[in-house]
Amino acid sequence: MKLKQYVQSRLLFLLLILMLSFAVRALTTHFIHDHLADPGWFQSGTYALFDQQAQEILDHKSAVFWIDDPSRTETAIYPPGYPLWIALIYKLSSERSAASVQRVQWVLDSLSVSL
């Protein structure tokens, strides 16, 4: 009987952690959504760069691992993984927006906290 109570309390505790992680990530997503278009927020320009690279990958205007134009030095700032990840999310969700990326990151972040 004590083992059953222990398991139940443990599962309840893990469920509480999972719910808390979803709540924290939801608040973070709300903050990002409100500030992503704000040029005063430092991450807005970074995401715009990643979004542009992901759009070009999907439209076959840019190679994933090769910089065709040497004057575009901004493409060498970050490794190609994140724009490729964003392009994959855009492709799978059929929605090319920051909201689709935030939804996927929201779920993955919340699950990673609880695992």
PDB file of N, CA and C in Angstrom:
ATOM      1  N   MET A   1       0.810  -1.192   0.000  1.00  0.00           N
ATOM      2  CA  MET A   1       0.000   0.000   0.000  1.00  0.00           C
ATOM      3  C   MET A   1       0.860   1.265   0.000  1.00  0.00           C
ATOM      4  N   LYS A   2       1.934   1.237   0.772  1.00  0.00           N
ATOM      5  CA  LYS A   2       2.808   2.406   0.826  1.00  0.00           C
ATOM      6  C   LYS A   2       3.502   2.646  -0.512  1.00  0.00           C
ATOM      7  N   LEU A   3       3.808   1.576  -1.214  1.00  0.00           N
ATOM      8  CA  LEU A   3       4.435   1.712  -2.529  1.00  0.00           C
ATOM      9  C   LEU A   3       3.488   2.407  -3.496  1.00  0.00           C
ATOM     10  N   LYS A   4       2.227   2.052  -3.450  1.00  0.00           N
ATOM     11  CA  LYS A   4       1.226   2.663  -4.317  1.00  0.00           C
ATOM     12  C   LYS A   4       1.099   4.161  -4.015  1.00  0.00           C
ATOM     13  N   GLN A   5       1.073   4.527  -2.750  1.00  0.00           N
ATOM     14  CA  GLN A   5       1.001   5.937  -2.367  1.00  0.00           C
ATOM     15  C   GLN A   5       2.252   6.689  -2.803  1.00  0.00           C
ATOM     16  N   TYR A   6       3.392   6.041  -2.671  1.00  0.00           N
ATOM     17  CA  TYR A   6       4.655   6.653  -3.088  1.00  0.00           C
ATOM     18  C   TYR A   6       4.639   6.917  -4.592  1.00  0.00           C
ATOM     19  N   VAL A   7       4.214   5.945  -5.363  1.00  0.00           N
ATOM     20  CA  VAL A   7       4.167   6.089  -6.820  1.00  0.00           C
ATOM     21  C   VAL A   7       3.172   7.175  -7.208  1.00  0.00           C
ATOM     22  N   GLN A   8       2.026   7.203  -6.561  1.00  0.00           N
ATOM     23  CA  GLN A   8       1.021   8.224  -6.857  1.00  0.00           C
ATOM     24  C   GLN A   8       1.529   9.621  -6.522  1.00  0.00           C
ATOM     25  N   SER A   9       2.166   9.766  -5.380  1.00  0.00           N
ATOM     26  CA  SER A   9       2.691  11.086  -5.011  1.00  0.00           C
ATOM     27  C   SER A   9       3.817  11.508  -5.945  1.00  0.00           C
ATOM     28  N   ARG A  10       4.607  10.557  -6.352  1.00  0.00           N
ATOM     29  CA  ARG A  10       5.699  10.850  -7.297  1.00  0.00           C
ATOM     30  C   ARG A  10       5.139  11.290  -8.650  1.00  0.00           C
ATOM     31  N   LEU A  11       4.122  10.589  -9.146  1.00  0.00           N
ATOM     32  CA  LEU A  11       3.487  10.952 -10.416  1.00  0.00           C
ATOM     33  C   LEU A  11       2.809  12.309 -10.312  1.00  0.00           C
ATOM     34  N   LEU A  12       2.181  12.576  -9.201  1.00  0.00           N
ATOM     35  CA  LEU A  12       1.554  13.880  -8.993  1.00  0.00           C
ATOM     36  C   LEU A  12       2.595  14.993  -8.999  1.00  0.00           C
ATOM     37  N   PHE A  13       3.708  14.742  -8.353  1.00  0.00           N
ATOM     38  CA  PHE A  13       4.808  15.720  -8.336  1.00  0.00           C
ATOM     39  C   PHE A  13       5.348  15.956  -9.751  1.00  0.00           C
ATOM     40  N   LEU A  14       5.540  14.900 -10.514  1.00  0.00           N
ATOM     41  CA  LEU A  14       6.022  15.048 -11.891  1.00  0.00           C
ATOM     42  C   LEU A  14       5.011  15.774 -12.771  1.00  0.00           C
ATOM     43  N   LEU A  15       3.726  15.505 -12.556  1.00  0.00           N
ATOM     44  CA  LEU A  15       2.683  16.202 -13.296  1.00  0.00           C
ATOM     45  C   LEU A  15       2.686  17.688 -12.952  1.00  0.00           C
ATOM     46  N   LEU A  16       2.904  18.008 -11.698  1.00  0.00           N
ATOM     47  CA  LEU A  16       2.990  19.406 -11.272  1.00  0.00           C
ATOM     48  C   LEU A  16       4.175  20.103 -11.943  1.00  0.00           C
ATOM     49  N   ILE A  17       5.309  19.438 -11.996  1.00  0.00           N
ATOM     50  CA  ILE A  17       6.480  20.010 -12.670  1.00  0.00           C
ATOM     51  C   ILE A  17       6.193  20.223 -14.153  1.00  0.00           C
ATOM     52  N   LEU A  18       5.548  19.261 -14.790  1.00  0.00           N
ATOM     53  CA  LEU A  18       5.202  19.387 -16.207  1.00  0.00           C
ATOM     54  C   LEU A  18       4.260  20.567 -16.426  1.00  0.00           C
ATOM     55  N   MET A  19       3.259  20.705 -15.593  1.00  0.00           N
ATOM     56  CA  MET A  19       2.321  21.824 -15.731  1.00  0.00           C
ATOM     57  C   MET A  19       3.017  23.159 -15.490  1.00  0.00           C
ATOM     58  N   LEU A  20       3.901  23.202 -14.518  1.00  0.00           N
ATOM     59  CA  LEU A  20       4.653  24.427 -14.250  1.00  0.00           C
ATOM     60  C   LEU A  20       5.552  24.789 -15.432  1.00  0.00           C
ATOM     61  N   SER A  21       6.193  23.798 -16.015  1.00  0.00           N
ATOM     62  CA  SER A  21       7.074  24.073 -17.157  1.00  0.00           C
ATOM     63  C   SER A  21       6.272  24.571 -18.358  1.00  0.00           C
ATOM     64  N   PHE A  22       5.078  24.013 -18.582  1.00  0.00           N
ATOM     65  CA  PHE A  22       4.221  24.506 -19.665  1.00  0.00           C
ATOM     66  C   PHE A  22       3.791  25.945 -19.396  1.00  0.00           C
ATOM     67  N   ALA A  23       3.469  26.264 -18.151  1.00  0.00           N
ATOM     68  CA  ALA A  23       3.047  27.619 -17.813  1.00  0.00           C
ATOM     69  C   ALA A  23       4.172  28.624 -18.012  1.00  0.00           C
ATOM     70  N   VAL A  24       5.365  28.285 -17.560  1.00  0.00           N
ATOM     71  CA  VAL A  24       6.512  29.188 -17.723  1.00  0.00           C
ATOM     72  C   VAL A  24       6.814  29.396 -19.203  1.00  0.00           C
ATOM     73  N   ARG A  25       6.792  28.318 -19.959  1.00  0.00           N
ATOM     74  CA  ARG A  25       7.077  28.439 -21.398  1.00  0.00           C
ATOM     75  C   ARG A  25       5.984  29.223 -22.109  1.00  0.00           C
ATOM     76  N   ALA A  26       4.737  29.074 -21.685  1.00  0.00           N
ATOM     77  CA  ALA A  26       3.643  29.838 -22.292  1.00  0.00           C
ATOM     78  C   ALA A  26       3.827  31.329 -22.038  1.00  0.00           C
ATOM     79  N   LEU A  27       4.238  31.692 -20.824  1.00  0.00           N
ATOM     80  CA  LEU A  27       4.493  33.106 -20.528  1.00  0.00           C
ATOM     81  C   LEU A  27       5.669  33.644 -21.336  1.00  0.00           C
ATOM     82  N   THR A  28       6.701  32.828 -21.494  1.00  0.00           N
ATOM     83  CA  THR A  28       7.850  33.229 -22.307  1.00  0.00           C
ATOM     84  C   THR A  28       7.438  33.414 -23.762  1.00  0.00           C
ATOM     85  N   THR A  29       6.628  32.499 -24.267  1.00  0.00           N
ATOM     86  CA  THR A  29       6.150  32.600 -25.648  1.00  0.00           C
ATOM     87  C   THR A  29       5.324  33.867 -25.829  1.00  0.00           C
ATOM     88  N   HIS A  30       4.497  34.185 -24.855  1.00  0.00           N
ATOM     89  CA  HIS A  30       3.699  35.412 -24.928  1.00  0.00           C
ATOM     90  C   HIS A  30       4.609  36.645 -24.978  1.00  0.00           C
ATOM     91  N   PHE A  31       5.627  36.662 -24.144  1.00  0.00           N
ATOM     92  CA  PHE A  31       6.574  37.778 -24.139  1.00  0.00           C
ATOM     93  C   PHE A  31       7.266  37.914 -25.497  1.00  0.00           C
ATOM     94  N   ILE A  32       7.743  36.792 -26.021  1.00  0.00           N
ATOM     95  CA  ILE A  32       8.440  36.821 -27.312  1.00  0.00           C
ATOM     96  C   ILE A  32       7.498  37.282 -28.416  1.00  0.00           C
ATOM     97  N   HIS A  33       6.274  36.790 -28.411  1.00  0.00           N
ATOM     98  CA  HIS A  33       5.303  37.186 -29.424  1.00  0.00           C
ATOM     99  C   HIS A  33       5.068  38.695 -29.403  1.00  0.00           C
ATOM    100  N   ASP A  34       4.981  39.258 -28.204  1.00  0.00           N
ATOM    101  CA  ASP A  34       4.749  40.695 -28.081  1.00  0.00           C
ATOM    102  C   ASP A  34       5.954  41.541 -28.481  1.00  0.00           C
ATOM    103  N   HIS A  35       7.153  40.992 -28.374  1.00  0.00           N
ATOM    104  CA  HIS A  35       8.359  41.789 -28.608  1.00  0.00           C
ATOM    105  C   HIS A  35       9.113  41.440 -29.894  1.00  0.00           C
ATOM    106  N   LEU A  36       8.678  40.438 -30.616  1.00  0.00           N
ATOM    107  CA  LEU A  36       9.446  39.992 -31.780  1.00  0.00           C
ATOM    108  C   LEU A  36       9.526  41.053 -32.876  1.00  0.00           C
ATOM    109  N   ALA A  37       8.494  41.857 -33.026  1.00  0.00           N
ATOM    110  CA  ALA A  37       8.509  42.904 -34.043  1.00  0.00           C
ATOM    111  C   ALA A  37       9.073  44.224 -33.525  1.00  0.00           C
ATOM    112  N   ASP A  38       9.479  44.268 -32.272  1.00  0.00           N
ATOM    113  CA  ASP A  38      10.013  45.482 -31.666  1.00  0.00           C
ATOM    114  C   ASP A  38      11.502  45.597 -31.970  1.00  0.00           C
ATOM    115  N   PRO A  39      11.910  46.567 -32.798  1.00  0.00           N
ATOM    116  CA  PRO A  39      13.331  46.687 -33.143  1.00  0.00           C
ATOM    117  C   PRO A  39      14.216  47.044 -31.954  1.00  0.00           C
ATOM    118  N   GLY A  40      13.619  47.498 -30.869  1.00  0.00           N
ATOM    119  CA  GLY A  40      14.391  47.813 -29.676  1.00  0.00           C
ATOM    120  C   GLY A  40      14.788  46.573 -28.884  1.00  0.00           C
ATOM    121  N   TRP A  41      14.116  45.463 -29.148  1.00  0.00           N
ATOM    122  CA  TRP A  41      14.442  44.213 -28.459  1.00  0.00           C
ATOM    123  C   TRP A  41      15.518  43.512 -29.269  1.00  0.00           C
ATOM    124  N   PHE A  42      16.612  43.163 -28.650  1.00  0.00           N
ATOM    125  CA  PHE A  42      17.784  42.674 -29.382  1.00  0.00           C
ATOM    126  C   PHE A  42      17.513  41.409 -30.179  1.00  0.00           C
ATOM    127  N   GLN A  43      16.572  40.569 -29.766  1.00  0.00           N
ATOM    128  CA  GLN A  43      16.339  39.316 -30.483  1.00  0.00           C
ATOM    129  C   GLN A  43      15.517  39.484 -31.752  1.00  0.00           C
ATOM    130  N   SER A  44      14.858  40.619 -31.938  1.00  0.00           N
ATOM    131  CA  SER A  44      14.015  40.779 -33.133  1.00  0.00           C
ATOM    132  C   SER A  44      14.852  40.732 -34.405  1.00  0.00           C
ATOM    133  N   GLY A  45      16.002  41.375 -34.397  1.00  0.00           N
ATOM    134  CA  GLY A  45      16.874  41.353 -35.574  1.00  0.00           C
ATOM    135  C   GLY A  45      17.479  39.984 -35.821  1.00  0.00           C
ATOM    136  N   THR A  46      17.805  39.288 -34.746  1.00  0.00           N
ATOM    137  CA  THR A  46      18.366  37.940 -34.884  1.00  0.00           C
ATOM    138  C   THR A  46      17.350  36.999 -35.498  1.00  0.00           C
ATOM    139  N   TYR A  47      16.110  37.042 -35.002  1.00  0.00           N
ATOM    140  CA  TYR A  47      15.100  36.158 -35.572  1.00  0.00           C
ATOM    141  C   TYR A  47      14.796  36.527 -37.019  1.00  0.00           C
ATOM    142  N   ALA A  48      14.785  37.817 -37.328  1.00  0.00           N
ATOM    143  CA  ALA A  48      14.530  38.239 -38.714  1.00  0.00           C
ATOM    144  C   ALA A  48      15.585  37.659 -39.652  1.00  0.00           C
ATOM    145  N   LEU A  49      16.819  37.616 -39.194  1.00  0.00           N
ATOM    146  CA  LEU A  49      17.893  37.031 -40.003  1.00  0.00           C
ATOM    147  C   LEU A  49      17.666  35.534 -40.208  1.00  0.00           C
ATOM    148  N   PHE A  50      17.338  34.826 -39.131  1.00  0.00           N
ATOM    149  CA  PHE A  50      17.069  33.389 -39.246  1.00  0.00           C
ATOM    150  C   PHE A  50      15.853  33.121 -40.114  1.00  0.00           C
ATOM    151  N   ASP A  51      14.816  33.954 -39.968  1.00  0.00           N
ATOM    152  CA  ASP A  51      13.604  33.789 -40.765  1.00  0.00           C
ATOM    153  C   ASP A  51      13.907  33.977 -42.247  1.00  0.00           C
ATOM    154  N   GLN A  52      14.693  34.989 -42.566  1.00  0.00           N
ATOM    155  CA  GLN A  52      15.054  35.234 -43.960  1.00  0.00           C
ATOM    156  C   GLN A  52      15.835  34.052 -44.535  1.00  0.00           C
ATOM    157  N   GLN A  53      16.769  33.522 -43.778  1.00  0.00           N
ATOM    158  CA  GLN A  53      17.541  32.380 -44.253  1.00  0.00           C
ATOM    159  C   GLN A  53      16.651  31.157 -44.434  1.00  0.00           C
ATOM    160  N   ALA A  54      15.720  30.920 -43.517  1.00  0.00           N
ATOM    161  CA  ALA A  54      14.805  29.782 -43.631  1.00  0.00           C
ATOM    162  C   ALA A  54      13.893  29.939 -44.841  1.00  0.00           C
ATOM    163  N   GLN A  55      13.404  31.153 -45.074  1.00  0.00           N
ATOM    164  CA  GLN A  55      12.555  31.402 -46.250  1.00  0.00           C
ATOM    165  C   GLN A  55      13.327  31.131 -47.534  1.00  0.00           C
ATOM    166  N   GLU A  56      14.589  31.557 -47.582  1.00  0.00           N
ATOM    167  CA  GLU A  56      15.413  31.341 -48.777  1.00  0.00           C
ATOM    168  C   GLU A  56      15.714  29.859 -48.978  1.00  0.00           C
ATOM    169  N   ILE A  57      15.894  29.117 -47.898  1.00  0.00           N
ATOM    170  CA  ILE A  57      16.117  27.668 -48.018  1.00  0.00           C
ATOM    171  C   ILE A  57      14.881  27.003 -48.606  1.00  0.00           C
ATOM    172  N   LEU A  58      13.701  27.356 -48.098  1.00  0.00           N
ATOM    173  CA  LEU A  58      12.458  26.756 -48.592  1.00  0.00           C
ATOM    174  C   LEU A  58      12.147  27.157 -50.026  1.00  0.00           C
ATOM    175  N   ASP A  59      12.511  28.374 -50.408  1.00  0.00           N
ATOM    176  CA  ASP A  59      12.247  28.854 -51.764  1.00  0.00           C
ATOM    177  C   ASP A  59      13.365  28.475 -52.737  1.00  0.00           C
ATOM    178  N   HIS A  60      14.321  27.696 -52.269  1.00  0.00           N
ATOM    179  CA  HIS A  60      15.476  27.240 -53.068  1.00  0.00           C
ATOM    180  C   HIS A  60      16.275  28.405 -53.647  1.00  0.00           C
ATOM    181  N   LYS A  61      16.348  29.496 -52.892  1.00  0.00           N
ATOM    182  CA  LYS A  61      17.136  30.657 -53.295  1.00  0.00           C
ATOM    183  C   LYS A  61      18.513  30.645 -52.659  1.00  0.00           C
ATOM    184  N   SER A  62      18.689  29.794 -51.650  1.00  0.00           N
ATOM    185  CA  SER A  62      19.946  29.752 -50.918  1.00  0.00           C
ATOM    186  C   SER A  62      20.271  28.314 -50.552  1.00  0.00           C
ATOM    187  N   ALA A  63      21.546  28.013 -50.604  1.00  0.00           N
ATOM    188  CA  ALA A  63      21.989  26.687 -50.185  1.00  0.00           C
ATOM    189  C   ALA A  63      22.081  26.652 -48.654  1.00  0.00           C
ATOM    190  N   VAL A  64      21.931  25.488 -48.090  1.00  0.00           N
ATOM    191  CA  VAL A  64      21.943  25.363 -46.639  1.00  0.00           C
ATOM    192  C   VAL A  64      23.353  25.550 -46.088  1.00  0.00           C
ATOM    193  N   PHE A  65      24.327  24.912 -46.703  1.00  0.00           N
ATOM    194  CA  PHE A  65      25.688  24.900 -46.162  1.00  0.00           C
ATOM    195  C   PHE A  65      26.685  25.700 -46.988  1.00  0.00           C
ATOM    196  N   TRP A  66      26.220  26.476 -47.941  1.00  0.00           N
ATOM    197  CA  TRP A  66      27.141  27.189 -48.809  1.00  0.00           C
ATOM    198  C   TRP A  66      26.683  28.631 -48.968  1.00  0.00           C
ATOM    199  N   ILE A  67      27.608  29.578 -48.869  1.00  0.00           N
ATOM    200  CA  ILE A  67      27.277  30.987 -49.054  1.00  0.00           C
ATOM    201  C   ILE A  67      27.647  31.351 -50.489  1.00  0.00           C
ATOM    202  N   ASP A  68      26.626  31.596 -51.305  1.00  0.00           N
ATOM    203  CA  ASP A  68      26.839  31.886 -52.718  1.00  0.00           C
ATOM    204  C   ASP A  68      27.391  33.297 -52.962  1.00  0.00           C
ATOM    205  N   ASP A  69      26.984  34.236 -52.146  1.00  0.00           N
ATOM    206  CA  ASP A  69      27.378  35.625 -52.322  1.00  0.00           C
ATOM    207  C   ASP A  69      28.333  36.025 -51.193  1.00  0.00           C
ATOM    208  N   PRO A  70      29.622  36.253 -51.485  1.00  0.00           N
ATOM    209  CA  PRO A  70      30.579  36.576 -50.417  1.00  0.00           C
ATOM    210  C   PRO A  70      30.298  37.910 -49.726  1.00  0.00           C
ATOM    211  N   SER A  71      29.471  38.756 -50.310  1.00  0.00           N
ATOM    212  CA  SER A  71      29.146  40.023 -49.660  1.00  0.00           C
ATOM    213  C   SER A  71      28.108  39.842 -48.549  1.00  0.00           C
ATOM    214  N   ARG A  72      27.455  38.691 -48.499  1.00  0.00           N
ATOM    215  CA  ARG A  72      26.437  38.422 -47.459  1.00  0.00           C
ATOM    216  C   ARG A  72      27.104  37.790 -46.238  1.00  0.00           C
ATOM    217  N   THR A  73      27.869  38.576 -45.558  1.00  0.00           N
ATOM    218  CA  THR A  73      28.604  38.070 -44.394  1.00  0.00           C
ATOM    219  C   THR A  73      27.695  37.744 -43.214  1.00  0.00           C
ATOM    220  N   GLU A  74      26.469  38.287 -43.200  1.00  0.00           N
ATOM    221  CA  GLU A  74      25.570  38.003 -42.086  1.00  0.00           C
ATOM    222  C   GLU A  74      25.169  36.533 -42.050  1.00  0.00           C
ATOM    223  N   THR A  75      25.278  35.829 -43.168  1.00  0.00           N
ATOM    224  CA  THR A  75      24.904  34.420 -43.184  1.00  0.00           C
ATOM    225  C   THR A  75      25.958  33.541 -42.517  1.00  0.00           C
ATOM    226  N   ALA A  76      27.143  34.059 -42.313  1.00  0.00           N
ATOM    227  CA  ALA A  76      28.213  33.270 -41.684  1.00  0.00           C
ATOM    228  C   ALA A  76      28.294  33.485 -40.177  1.00  0.00           C
ATOM    229  N   ILE A  77      27.413  34.299 -39.635  1.00  0.00           N
ATOM    230  CA  ILE A  77      27.463  34.598 -38.208  1.00  0.00           C
ATOM    231  C   ILE A  77      27.114  33.376 -37.376  1.00  0.00           C
ATOM    232  N   TYR A  78      26.099  32.656 -37.790  1.00  0.00           N
ATOM    233  CA  TYR A  78      25.613  31.508 -37.036  1.00  0.00           C
ATOM    234  C   TYR A  78      25.736  30.245 -37.882  1.00  0.00           C
ATOM    235  N   PRO A  79      25.853  29.095 -37.245  1.00  0.00           N
ATOM    236  CA  PRO A  79      25.873  27.845 -38.004  1.00  0.00           C
ATOM    237  C   PRO A  79      24.516  27.619 -38.685  1.00  0.00           C
ATOM    238  N   PRO A  80      24.475  26.810 -39.725  1.00  0.00           N
ATOM    239  CA  PRO A  80      23.244  26.667 -40.520  1.00  0.00           C
ATOM    240  C   PRO A  80      22.144  25.865 -39.826  1.00  0.00           C
ATOM    241  N   GLY A  81      22.398  25.314 -38.688  1.00  0.00           N
ATOM    242  CA  GLY A  81      21.414  24.452 -38.033  1.00  0.00           C
ATOM    243  C   GLY A  81      20.115  25.140 -37.680  1.00  0.00           C
ATOM    244  N   TYR A  82      20.171  26.345 -37.128  1.00  0.00           N
ATOM    245  CA  TYR A  82      18.937  26.992 -36.685  1.00  0.00           C
ATOM    246  C   TYR A  82      18.054  27.413 -37.861  1.00  0.00           C
ATOM    247  N   PRO A  83      18.588  28.058 -38.902  1.00  0.00           N
ATOM    248  CA  PRO A  83      17.723  28.348 -40.057  1.00  0.00           C
ATOM    249  C   PRO A  83      17.162  27.079 -40.699  1.00  0.00           C
ATOM    250  N   LEU A  84      17.938  26.018 -40.689  1.00  0.00           N
ATOM    251  CA  LEU A  84      17.453  24.746 -41.226  1.00  0.00           C
ATOM    252  C   LEU A  84      16.329  24.201 -40.351  1.00  0.00           C
ATOM    253  N   TRP A  85      16.462  24.307 -39.032  1.00  0.00           N
ATOM    254  CA  TRP A  85      15.426  23.884 -38.091  1.00  0.00           C
ATOM    255  C   TRP A  85      14.153  24.704 -38.321  1.00  0.00           C
ATOM    256  N   ILE A  86      14.288  26.013 -38.476  1.00  0.00           N
ATOM    257  CA  ILE A  86      13.132  26.875 -38.732  1.00  0.00           C
ATOM    258  C   ILE A  86      12.481  26.501 -40.058  1.00  0.00           C
ATOM    259  N   ALA A  87      13.285  26.256 -41.085  1.00  0.00           N
ATOM    260  CA  ALA A  87      12.731  25.859 -42.392  1.00  0.00           C
ATOM    261  C   ALA A  87      11.959  24.548 -42.270  1.00  0.00           C
ATOM    262  N   LEU A  88      12.470  23.610 -41.485  1.00  0.00           N
ATOM    263  CA  LEU A  88      11.774  22.336 -41.285  1.00  0.00           C
ATOM    264  C   LEU A  88      10.432  22.552 -40.583  1.00  0.00           C
ATOM    265  N   ILE A  89      10.417  23.400 -39.577  1.00  0.00           N
ATOM    266  CA  ILE A  89       9.160  23.697 -38.874  1.00  0.00           C
ATOM    267  C   ILE A  89       8.179  24.377 -39.826  1.00  0.00           C
ATOM    268  N   TYR A  90       8.652  25.331 -40.613  1.00  0.00           N
ATOM    269  CA  TYR A  90       7.791  25.983 -41.597  1.00  0.00           C
ATOM    270  C   TYR A  90       7.195  24.961 -42.567  1.00  0.00           C
ATOM    271  N   LYS A  91       8.028  24.062 -43.029  1.00  0.00           N
ATOM    272  CA  LYS A  91       7.588  23.056 -43.999  1.00  0.00           C
ATOM    273  C   LYS A  91       6.549  22.118 -43.389  1.00  0.00           C
ATOM    274  N   LEU A  92       6.819  21.606 -42.182  1.00  0.00           N
ATOM    275  CA  LEU A  92       5.916  20.648 -41.551  1.00  0.00           C
ATOM    276  C   LEU A  92       4.604  21.289 -41.087  1.00  0.00           C
ATOM    277  N   SER A  93       4.666  22.542 -40.670  1.00  0.00           N
ATOM    278  CA  SER A  93       3.455  23.206 -40.171  1.00  0.00           C
ATOM    279  C   SER A  93       2.679  23.923 -41.278  1.00  0.00           C
ATOM    280  N   SER A  94       3.281  24.063 -42.442  1.00  0.00           N
ATOM    281  CA  SER A  94       2.683  24.810 -43.558  1.00  0.00           C
ATOM    282  C   SER A  94       2.375  26.252 -43.173  1.00  0.00           C
ATOM    283  N   GLU A  95       3.135  26.770 -42.231  1.00  0.00           N
ATOM    284  CA  GLU A  95       2.957  28.146 -41.771  1.00  0.00           C
ATOM    285  C   GLU A  95       4.338  28.776 -41.578  1.00  0.00           C
ATOM    286  N   ARG A  96       4.611  29.802 -42.342  1.00  0.00           N
ATOM    287  CA  ARG A  96       5.911  30.458 -42.254  1.00  0.00           C
ATOM    288  C   ARG A  96       5.818  31.666 -41.325  1.00  0.00           C
ATOM    289  N   SER A  97       5.805  31.381 -40.036  1.00  0.00           N
ATOM    290  CA  SER A  97       5.707  32.471 -39.069  1.00  0.00           C
ATOM    291  C   SER A  97       6.454  32.103 -37.789  1.00  0.00           C
ATOM    292  N   ALA A  98       6.754  33.123 -37.019  1.00  0.00           N
ATOM    293  CA  ALA A  98       7.424  32.904 -35.738  1.00  0.00           C
ATOM    294  C   ALA A  98       6.520  32.138 -34.780  1.00  0.00           C
ATOM    295  N   ALA A  99       5.219  32.259 -34.960  1.00  0.00           N
ATOM    296  CA  ALA A  99       4.275  31.556 -34.076  1.00  0.00           C
ATOM    297  C   ALA A  99       4.429  30.044 -34.202  1.00  0.00           C
ATOM    298  N   SER A 100       4.644  29.559 -35.418  1.00  0.00           N
ATOM    299  CA  SER A 100       4.810  28.110 -35.596  1.00  0.00           C
ATOM    300  C   SER A 100       6.088  27.622 -34.919  1.00  0.00           C
ATOM    301  N   VAL A 101       7.147  28.395 -35.011  1.00  0.00           N
ATOM    302  CA  VAL A 101       8.412  28.034 -34.356  1.00  0.00           C
ATOM    303  C   VAL A 101       8.239  28.066 -32.846  1.00  0.00           C
ATOM    304  N   GLN A 102       7.554  29.079 -32.345  1.00  0.00           N
ATOM    305  CA  GLN A 102       7.343  29.195 -30.907  1.00  0.00           C
ATOM    306  C   GLN A 102       6.516  28.042 -30.355  1.00  0.00           C
ATOM    307  N   ARG A 103       5.513  27.602 -31.110  1.00  0.00           N
ATOM    308  CA  ARG A 103       4.697  26.476 -30.642  1.00  0.00           C
ATOM    309  C   ARG A 103       5.541  25.218 -30.495  1.00  0.00           C
ATOM    310  N   VAL A 104       6.379  24.935 -31.485  1.00  0.00           N
ATOM    311  CA  VAL A 104       7.227  23.739 -31.420  1.00  0.00           C
ATOM    312  C   VAL A 104       8.231  23.861 -30.282  1.00  0.00           C
ATOM    313  N   GLN A 105       8.874  25.011 -30.163  1.00  0.00           N
ATOM    314  CA  GLN A 105       9.835  25.194 -29.088  1.00  0.00           C
ATOM    315  C   GLN A 105       9.164  25.164 -27.716  1.00  0.00           C
ATOM    316  N   TRP A 106       7.951  25.667 -27.630  1.00  0.00           N
ATOM    317  CA  TRP A 106       7.198  25.658 -26.384  1.00  0.00           C
ATOM    318  C   TRP A 106       6.978  24.232 -25.899  1.00  0.00           C
ATOM    319  N   VAL A 107       6.547  23.352 -26.792  1.00  0.00           N
ATOM    320  CA  VAL A 107       6.294  21.968 -26.413  1.00  0.00           C
ATOM    321  C   VAL A 107       7.604  21.255 -26.088  1.00  0.00           C
ATOM    322  N   LEU A 108       8.609  21.394 -26.931  1.00  0.00           N
ATOM    323  CA  LEU A 108       9.875  20.693 -26.708  1.00  0.00           C
ATOM    324  C   LEU A 108      10.566  21.161 -25.429  1.00  0.00           C
ATOM    325  N   ASP A 109      10.557  22.465 -25.180  1.00  0.00           N
ATOM    326  CA  ASP A 109      11.155  22.990 -23.949  1.00  0.00           C
ATOM    327  C   ASP A 109      10.430  22.480 -22.716  1.00  0.00           C
ATOM    328  N   SER A 110       9.124  22.483 -22.771  1.00  0.00           N
ATOM    329  CA  SER A 110       8.335  22.033 -21.619  1.00  0.00           C
ATOM    330  C   SER A 110       8.565  20.554 -21.342  1.00  0.00           C
ATOM    331  N   LEU A 111       8.620  19.767 -22.397  1.00  0.00           N
ATOM    332  CA  LEU A 111       8.851  18.337 -22.211  1.00  0.00           C
ATOM    333  C   LEU A 111      10.267  18.052 -21.725  1.00  0.00           C
ATOM    334  N   SER A 112      11.228  18.819 -22.184  1.00  0.00           N
ATOM    335  CA  SER A 112      12.610  18.564 -21.772  1.00  0.00           C
ATOM    336  C   SER A 112      12.816  18.872 -20.297  1.00  0.00           C
ATOM    337  N   VAL A 113      12.090  19.834 -19.754  1.00  0.00           N
ATOM    338  CA  VAL A 113      12.194  20.143 -18.330  1.00  0.00           C
ATOM    339  C   VAL A 113      11.679  18.990 -17.498  1.00  0.00           C
ATOM    340  N   SER A 114      10.616  18.364 -17.955  1.00  0.00           N
ATOM    341  CA  SER A 114      10.004  17.319 -17.153  1.00  0.00           C
ATOM    342  C   SER A 114      10.647  15.952 -17.349  1.00  0.00           C
ATOM    343  N   LEU A 115      11.451  15.800 -18.374  1.00  0.00           N
ATOM    344  CA  LEU A 115      12.097  14.513 -18.598  1.00  0.00           C
ATOM    345  C   LEU A 115      13.423  14.520 -17.928  1.00  0.00           C
TER     346      LEU A 115
END
